[in-house]
């Protein structure tokens, strides 16, 4: 298994907080449509962990689809991004459905959620992490049996070798690769896993 430090082309860096609002521009839906990518996987009442939610581009539609009985737990590294996301959720009346949490670079701080999540979403974020193998193991640990992990990485920012390693790490963490309804038709690297 390749370790992140052995991937010569992988130099993780977190997107600066000041750029995060640009991730919610409407034209992003042309290639990153929440309706195609995430919403087919969300059921009312689900419990979802979103890693690196940024501006809430996927958080808001997921929370709306869950209904009052569902819950989204967002873990975000940057404090400025956490504050911005909370404001967005407050304006949309979703703070009672979404919990925004701080995480560390190498620790998602989700031990209290182990075995409780129906879905984990990691969109355009794993390639920014210094230890994506550890992050994937933590994501797998919070899934209930039958729960799913969605990994989506942007081509050009995520080396193919790293994405292949991410798939391997998910499988080594006890997850099985299953088909995603969208497939890879938008040019991103997409993998959907299910916990055995």
C-alpha atoms as a PDB file:
ATOM      1  CA  UNK A   1       0.000   0.000   0.000  1.00  0.00           C
ATOM      2  CA  UNK A   2       1.341   3.416  -0.926  1.00  0.00           C
ATOM      3  CA  UNK A   3       1.525   5.857   1.939  1.00  0.00           C
ATOM      4  CA  UNK A   4       0.740   9.538   1.249  1.00  0.00           C
ATOM      5  CA  UNK A   5       4.389  10.453   1.921  1.00  0.00           C
ATOM      6  CA  UNK A   6       5.442   8.075  -0.889  1.00  0.00           C
ATOM      7  CA  UNK A   7       3.238   9.782  -3.486  1.00  0.00           C
ATOM      8  CA  UNK A   8       5.785  12.069  -5.109  1.00  0.00           C
ATOM      9  CA  UNK A   9       3.159  14.225  -6.885  1.00  0.00           C
ATOM     10  CA  UNK A  10       0.898  14.623  -3.835  1.00  0.00           C
ATOM     11  CA  UNK A  11       1.422  17.904  -1.995  1.00  0.00           C
ATOM     12  CA  UNK A  12      -1.712  18.501   0.081  1.00  0.00           C
ATOM     13  CA  UNK A  13      -2.881  22.032   0.724  1.00  0.00           C
ATOM     14  CA  UNK A  14      -6.169  23.258   2.103  1.00  0.00           C
ATOM     15  CA  UNK A  15      -8.107  25.776   0.022  1.00  0.00           C
ATOM     16  CA  UNK A  16      -7.801  29.217   1.691  1.00  0.00           C
ATOM     17  CA  UNK A  17     -10.904  30.345   3.606  1.00  0.00           C
ATOM     18  CA  UNK A  18     -11.256  33.482   1.463  1.00  0.00           C
ATOM     19  CA  UNK A  19     -11.748  31.312  -1.649  1.00  0.00           C
ATOM     20  CA  UNK A  20     -14.488  29.146  -0.111  1.00  0.00           C
ATOM     21  CA  UNK A  21     -17.425  31.448  -1.088  1.00  0.00           C
ATOM     22  CA  UNK A  22     -16.507  30.954  -4.746  1.00  0.00           C
ATOM     23  CA  UNK A  23     -17.317  27.254  -4.312  1.00  0.00           C
ATOM     24  CA  UNK A  24     -21.023  28.145  -4.108  1.00  0.00           C
ATOM     25  CA  UNK A  25     -21.319  30.033  -7.385  1.00  0.00           C
ATOM     26  CA  UNK A  26     -24.417  28.806  -9.287  1.00  0.00           C
ATOM     27  CA  UNK A  27     -22.526  27.666 -12.409  1.00  0.00           C
ATOM     28  CA  UNK A  28     -20.798  24.981 -10.286  1.00  0.00           C
ATOM     29  CA  UNK A  29     -24.022  22.960 -10.613  1.00  0.00           C
ATOM     30  CA  UNK A  30     -23.092  22.282 -14.242  1.00  0.00           C
ATOM     31  CA  UNK A  31     -20.423  19.773 -13.173  1.00  0.00           C
ATOM     32  CA  UNK A  32     -21.073  19.285  -9.428  1.00  0.00           C
ATOM     33  CA  UNK A  33     -24.851  18.960  -9.255  1.00  0.00           C
ATOM     34  CA  UNK A  34     -26.023  17.945  -5.761  1.00  0.00           C
ATOM     35  CA  UNK A  35     -29.128  16.469  -7.419  1.00  0.00           C
ATOM     36  CA  UNK A  36     -26.987  14.007  -9.402  1.00  0.00           C
ATOM     37  CA  UNK A  37     -24.087  13.419  -7.020  1.00  0.00           C
ATOM     38  CA  UNK A  38     -25.466  13.280  -3.480  1.00  0.00           C
ATOM     39  CA  UNK A  39     -29.254  13.463  -3.321  1.00  0.00           C
ATOM     40  CA  UNK A  40     -29.836  10.005  -4.890  1.00  0.00           C
ATOM     41  CA  UNK A  41     -27.995   8.615  -1.830  1.00  0.00           C
ATOM     42  CA  UNK A  42     -29.952  10.595   0.816  1.00  0.00           C
ATOM     43  CA  UNK A  43     -33.107   9.286   2.466  1.00  0.00           C
ATOM     44  CA  UNK A  44     -35.357  11.173   4.902  1.00  0.00           C
ATOM     45  CA  UNK A  45     -34.179  10.625   8.459  1.00  0.00           C
ATOM     46  CA  UNK A  46     -30.602   9.652   7.515  1.00  0.00           C
ATOM     47  CA  UNK A  47     -27.602  10.577   9.637  1.00  0.00           C
ATOM     48  CA  UNK A  48     -24.832  11.979   7.441  1.00  0.00           C
ATOM     49  CA  UNK A  49     -21.222  12.951   8.063  1.00  0.00           C
ATOM     50  CA  UNK A  50     -19.847  15.519   5.613  1.00  0.00           C
ATOM     51  CA  UNK A  51     -16.090  16.026   5.651  1.00  0.00           C
ATOM     52  CA  UNK A  52     -14.888  19.456   4.512  1.00  0.00           C
ATOM     53  CA  UNK A  53     -18.284  21.046   3.784  1.00  0.00           C
ATOM     54  CA  UNK A  54     -16.795  24.386   2.768  1.00  0.00           C
ATOM     55  CA  UNK A  55     -19.550  26.841   1.894  1.00  0.00           C
ATOM     56  CA  UNK A  56     -22.370  24.315   2.308  1.00  0.00           C
ATOM     57  CA  UNK A  57     -22.862  23.705  -1.416  1.00  0.00           C
ATOM     58  CA  UNK A  58     -23.824  20.076  -0.712  1.00  0.00           C
ATOM     59  CA  UNK A  59     -24.783  20.544   2.954  1.00  0.00           C
ATOM     60  CA  UNK A  60     -27.859  22.684   2.315  1.00  0.00           C
ATOM     61  CA  UNK A  61     -29.568  20.378  -0.230  1.00  0.00           C
ATOM     62  CA  UNK A  62     -28.743  17.301   1.868  1.00  0.00           C
ATOM     63  CA  UNK A  63     -30.208  18.898   5.019  1.00  0.00           C
ATOM     64  CA  UNK A  64     -33.359  19.909   3.161  1.00  0.00           C
ATOM     65  CA  UNK A  65     -33.778  16.355   1.829  1.00  0.00           C
ATOM     66  CA  UNK A  66     -33.432  14.784   5.285  1.00  0.00           C
ATOM     67  CA  UNK A  67     -36.487  16.309   6.910  1.00  0.00           C
ATOM     68  CA  UNK A  68     -36.813  17.074  10.618  1.00  0.00           C
ATOM     69  CA  UNK A  69     -35.709  13.590  11.732  1.00  0.00           C
ATOM     70  CA  UNK A  70     -32.399  13.586   9.851  1.00  0.00           C
ATOM     71  CA  UNK A  71     -29.063  15.049  10.896  1.00  0.00           C
ATOM     72  CA  UNK A  72     -25.893  16.225   9.132  1.00  0.00           C
ATOM     73  CA  UNK A  73     -22.608  16.430  11.031  1.00  0.00           C
ATOM     74  CA  UNK A  74     -20.085  18.637   9.213  1.00  0.00           C
ATOM     75  CA  UNK A  75     -16.423  18.510  10.191  1.00  0.00           C
ATOM     76  CA  UNK A  76     -14.309  21.436   9.006  1.00  0.00           C
ATOM     77  CA  UNK A  77     -10.682  22.344   9.704  1.00  0.00           C
ATOM     78  CA  UNK A  78     -10.783  26.135   9.270  1.00  0.00           C
ATOM     79  CA  UNK A  79     -12.535  28.257  11.890  1.00  0.00           C
ATOM     80  CA  UNK A  80     -13.418  31.021   9.395  1.00  0.00           C
ATOM     81  CA  UNK A  81     -15.109  28.449   7.152  1.00  0.00           C
ATOM     82  CA  UNK A  82     -17.011  27.008  10.131  1.00  0.00           C
ATOM     83  CA  UNK A  83     -18.358  30.493  10.977  1.00  0.00           C
ATOM     84  CA  UNK A  84     -19.380  31.165   7.375  1.00  0.00           C
ATOM     85  CA  UNK A  85     -21.152  27.800   7.133  1.00  0.00           C
ATOM     86  CA  UNK A  86     -23.049  28.406  10.387  1.00  0.00           C
ATOM     87  CA  UNK A  87     -24.248  31.782   9.051  1.00  0.00           C
ATOM     88  CA  UNK A  88     -25.415  30.148   5.813  1.00  0.00           C
ATOM     89  CA  UNK A  89     -27.276  27.447   7.717  1.00  0.00           C
ATOM     90  CA  UNK A  90     -28.837  29.983  10.097  1.00  0.00           C
ATOM     91  CA  UNK A  91     -30.127  32.094   7.175  1.00  0.00           C
ATOM     92  CA  UNK A  92     -31.737  28.987   5.689  1.00  0.00           C
ATOM     93  CA  UNK A  93     -33.208  27.764   8.985  1.00  0.00           C
ATOM     94  CA  UNK A  94     -31.138  24.565   9.020  1.00  0.00           C
ATOM     95  CA  UNK A  95     -29.093  24.876  12.223  1.00  0.00           C
ATOM     96  CA  UNK A  96     -31.398  22.420  14.000  1.00  0.00           C
ATOM     97  CA  UNK A  97     -30.566  19.745  11.374  1.00  0.00           C
ATOM     98  CA  UNK A  98     -26.842  20.463  10.802  1.00  0.00           C
ATOM     99  CA  UNK A  99     -24.096  20.418  13.423  1.00  0.00           C
ATOM    100  CA  UNK A 100     -20.804  22.102  12.447  1.00  0.00           C
ATOM    101  CA  UNK A 101     -17.744  20.711  14.232  1.00  0.00           C
ATOM    102  CA  UNK A 102     -14.047  21.517  14.274  1.00  0.00           C
ATOM    103  CA  UNK A 103     -11.612  18.810  13.225  1.00  0.00           C
ATOM    104  CA  UNK A 104      -7.851  18.499  13.044  1.00  0.00           C
ATOM    105  CA  UNK A 105      -5.599  17.884  10.058  1.00  0.00           C
ATOM    106  CA  UNK A 106      -5.067  14.246  11.016  1.00  0.00           C
ATOM    107  CA  UNK A 107      -8.120  13.643  13.238  1.00  0.00           C
ATOM    108  CA  UNK A 108     -11.736  14.121  12.139  1.00  0.00           C
ATOM    109  CA  UNK A 109     -12.807  14.006  15.829  1.00  0.00           C
ATOM    110  CA  UNK A 110     -15.781  11.741  15.136  1.00  0.00           C
ATOM    111  CA  UNK A 111     -15.176   8.922  17.626  1.00  0.00           C
ATOM    112  CA  UNK A 112     -18.549   9.654  19.260  1.00  0.00           C
ATOM    113  CA  UNK A 113     -20.283   8.912  15.931  1.00  0.00           C
ATOM    114  CA  UNK A 114     -18.823   5.422  15.435  1.00  0.00           C
ATOM    115  CA  UNK A 115     -21.253   2.990  13.838  1.00  0.00           C
ATOM    116  CA  UNK A 116     -24.063   5.577  13.631  1.00  0.00           C
ATOM    117  CA  UNK A 117     -23.890   7.133  10.142  1.00  0.00           C
ATOM    118  CA  UNK A 118     -25.946   6.120   7.118  1.00  0.00           C
ATOM    119  CA  UNK A 119     -23.804   8.133   4.709  1.00  0.00           C
ATOM    120  CA  UNK A 120     -20.394   9.810   4.724  1.00  0.00           C
ATOM    121  CA  UNK A 121     -19.639  12.395   2.046  1.00  0.00           C
ATOM    122  CA  UNK A 122     -16.079  13.479   1.154  1.00  0.00           C
ATOM    123  CA  UNK A 123     -16.244  15.672  -1.944  1.00  0.00           C
ATOM    124  CA  UNK A 124     -13.072  17.331  -3.287  1.00  0.00           C
ATOM    125  CA  UNK A 125     -11.394  17.059   0.108  1.00  0.00           C
ATOM    126  CA  UNK A 126      -9.285  13.908   0.575  1.00  0.00           C
ATOM    127  CA  UNK A 127      -6.513  15.108  -1.765  1.00  0.00           C
ATOM    128  CA  UNK A 128      -6.103  18.142   0.540  1.00  0.00           C
ATOM    129  CA  UNK A 129      -5.376  15.977   3.598  1.00  0.00           C
ATOM    130  CA  UNK A 130      -1.876  15.048   4.757  1.00  0.00           C
ATOM    131  CA  UNK A 131      -3.039  11.550   5.846  1.00  0.00           C
ATOM    132  CA  UNK A 132      -6.015  10.565   3.676  1.00  0.00           C
ATOM    133  CA  UNK A 133      -5.580   6.906   4.657  1.00  0.00           C
ATOM    134  CA  UNK A 134      -6.278   7.751   8.314  1.00  0.00           C
ATOM    135  CA  UNK A 135      -9.220   9.970   7.351  1.00  0.00           C
ATOM    136  CA  UNK A 136     -10.777   7.169   5.300  1.00  0.00           C
ATOM    137  CA  UNK A 137     -10.378   4.725   8.205  1.00  0.00           C
ATOM    138  CA  UNK A 138     -12.157   7.200  10.494  1.00  0.00           C
ATOM    139  CA  UNK A 139     -14.936   7.709   7.925  1.00  0.00           C
ATOM    140  CA  UNK A 140     -15.398   3.943   7.632  1.00  0.00           C
ATOM    141  CA  UNK A 141     -15.580   3.607  11.428  1.00  0.00           C
ATOM    142  CA  UNK A 142     -18.619   5.899  11.721  1.00  0.00           C
ATOM    143  CA  UNK A 143     -20.679   3.956   9.175  1.00  0.00           C
ATOM    144  CA  UNK A 144     -23.335   1.516  10.326  1.00  0.00           C
ATOM    145  CA  UNK A 145     -23.499  -1.836   8.478  1.00  0.00           C
ATOM    146  CA  UNK A 146     -24.940  -1.051   5.046  1.00  0.00           C
ATOM    147  CA  UNK A 147     -23.890   2.602   5.356  1.00  0.00           C
ATOM    148  CA  UNK A 148     -22.178   4.238   2.384  1.00  0.00           C
ATOM    149  CA  UNK A 149     -19.138   6.418   1.791  1.00  0.00           C
ATOM    150  CA  UNK A 150     -19.056   8.731  -1.227  1.00  0.00           C
ATOM    151  CA  UNK A 151     -15.603   9.890  -2.346  1.00  0.00           C
ATOM    152  CA  UNK A 152     -15.352  12.384  -5.185  1.00  0.00           C
ATOM    153  CA  UNK A 153     -12.085  13.976  -6.266  1.00  0.00           C
ATOM    154  CA  UNK A 154     -11.398  16.535  -9.013  1.00  0.00           C
ATOM    155  CA  UNK A 155      -9.226  15.331 -11.862  1.00  0.00           C
ATOM    156  CA  UNK A 156      -6.234  17.607 -12.218  1.00  0.00           C
ATOM    157  CA  UNK A 157      -6.055  18.313  -8.477  1.00  0.00           C
ATOM    158  CA  UNK A 158      -6.006  14.693  -7.351  1.00  0.00           C
ATOM    159  CA  UNK A 159      -3.337  12.491  -8.967  1.00  0.00           C
ATOM    160  CA  UNK A 160      -4.703   9.220 -10.354  1.00  0.00           C
ATOM    161  CA  UNK A 161      -2.276   7.293  -8.155  1.00  0.00           C
ATOM    162  CA  UNK A 162      -3.680   8.992  -5.041  1.00  0.00           C
ATOM    163  CA  UNK A 163      -7.278   8.250  -6.045  1.00  0.00           C
ATOM    164  CA  UNK A 164      -6.380   4.585  -6.614  1.00  0.00           C
ATOM    165  CA  UNK A 165      -4.806   4.554  -3.145  1.00  0.00           C
ATOM    166  CA  UNK A 166      -7.959   6.134  -1.666  1.00  0.00           C
ATOM    167  CA  UNK A 167     -10.033   3.318  -3.155  1.00  0.00           C
ATOM    168  CA  UNK A 168      -7.583   0.730  -1.764  1.00  0.00           C
ATOM    169  CA  UNK A 169      -7.635   2.327   1.709  1.00  0.00           C
ATOM    170  CA  UNK A 170     -11.451   2.278   1.766  1.00  0.00           C
ATOM    171  CA  UNK A 171     -11.477  -1.418   0.864  1.00  0.00           C
ATOM    172  CA  UNK A 172      -8.827  -2.139   3.519  1.00  0.00           C
ATOM    173  CA  UNK A 173     -11.085  -0.328   6.020  1.00  0.00           C
ATOM    174  CA  UNK A 174     -13.830  -2.896   5.463  1.00  0.00           C
ATOM    175  CA  UNK A 175     -15.799  -1.185   2.704  1.00  0.00           C
ATOM    176  CA  UNK A 176     -16.936  -2.657  -0.617  1.00  0.00           C
ATOM    177  CA  UNK A 177     -16.962  -0.710  -3.878  1.00  0.00           C
ATOM    178  CA  UNK A 178     -20.501  -0.346  -5.297  1.00  0.00           C
ATOM    179  CA  UNK A 179     -21.807   1.500  -8.393  1.00  0.00           C
ATOM    180  CA  UNK A 180     -22.701   5.188  -8.058  1.00  0.00           C
ATOM    181  CA  UNK A 181     -25.862   6.307  -9.891  1.00  0.00           C
ATOM    182  CA  UNK A 182     -23.916   9.132 -11.588  1.00  0.00           C
ATOM    183  CA  UNK A 183     -20.827   7.171 -12.555  1.00  0.00           C
ATOM    184  CA  UNK A 184     -17.839   9.247 -13.718  1.00  0.00           C
ATOM    185  CA  UNK A 185     -19.576  11.190 -16.464  1.00  0.00           C
ATOM    186  CA  UNK A 186     -18.510  14.658 -15.284  1.00  0.00           C
ATOM    187  CA  UNK A 187     -14.771  14.093 -15.393  1.00  0.00           C
ATOM    188  CA  UNK A 188     -14.329  13.665 -11.641  1.00  0.00           C
ATOM    189  CA  UNK A 189     -13.004  10.600  -9.865  1.00  0.00           C
ATOM    190  CA  UNK A 190     -16.014   9.066  -8.090  1.00  0.00           C
ATOM    191  CA  UNK A 191     -16.183   6.042  -5.815  1.00  0.00           C
ATOM    192  CA  UNK A 192     -19.090   4.815  -3.717  1.00  0.00           C
ATOM    193  CA  UNK A 193     -18.502   2.254  -0.976  1.00  0.00           C
ATOM    194  CA  UNK A 194     -20.722   0.273   1.352  1.00  0.00           C
ATOM    195  CA  UNK A 195     -19.879  -1.088   4.793  1.00  0.00           C
ATOM    196  CA  UNK A 196     -20.128  -4.859   5.023  1.00  0.00           C
END
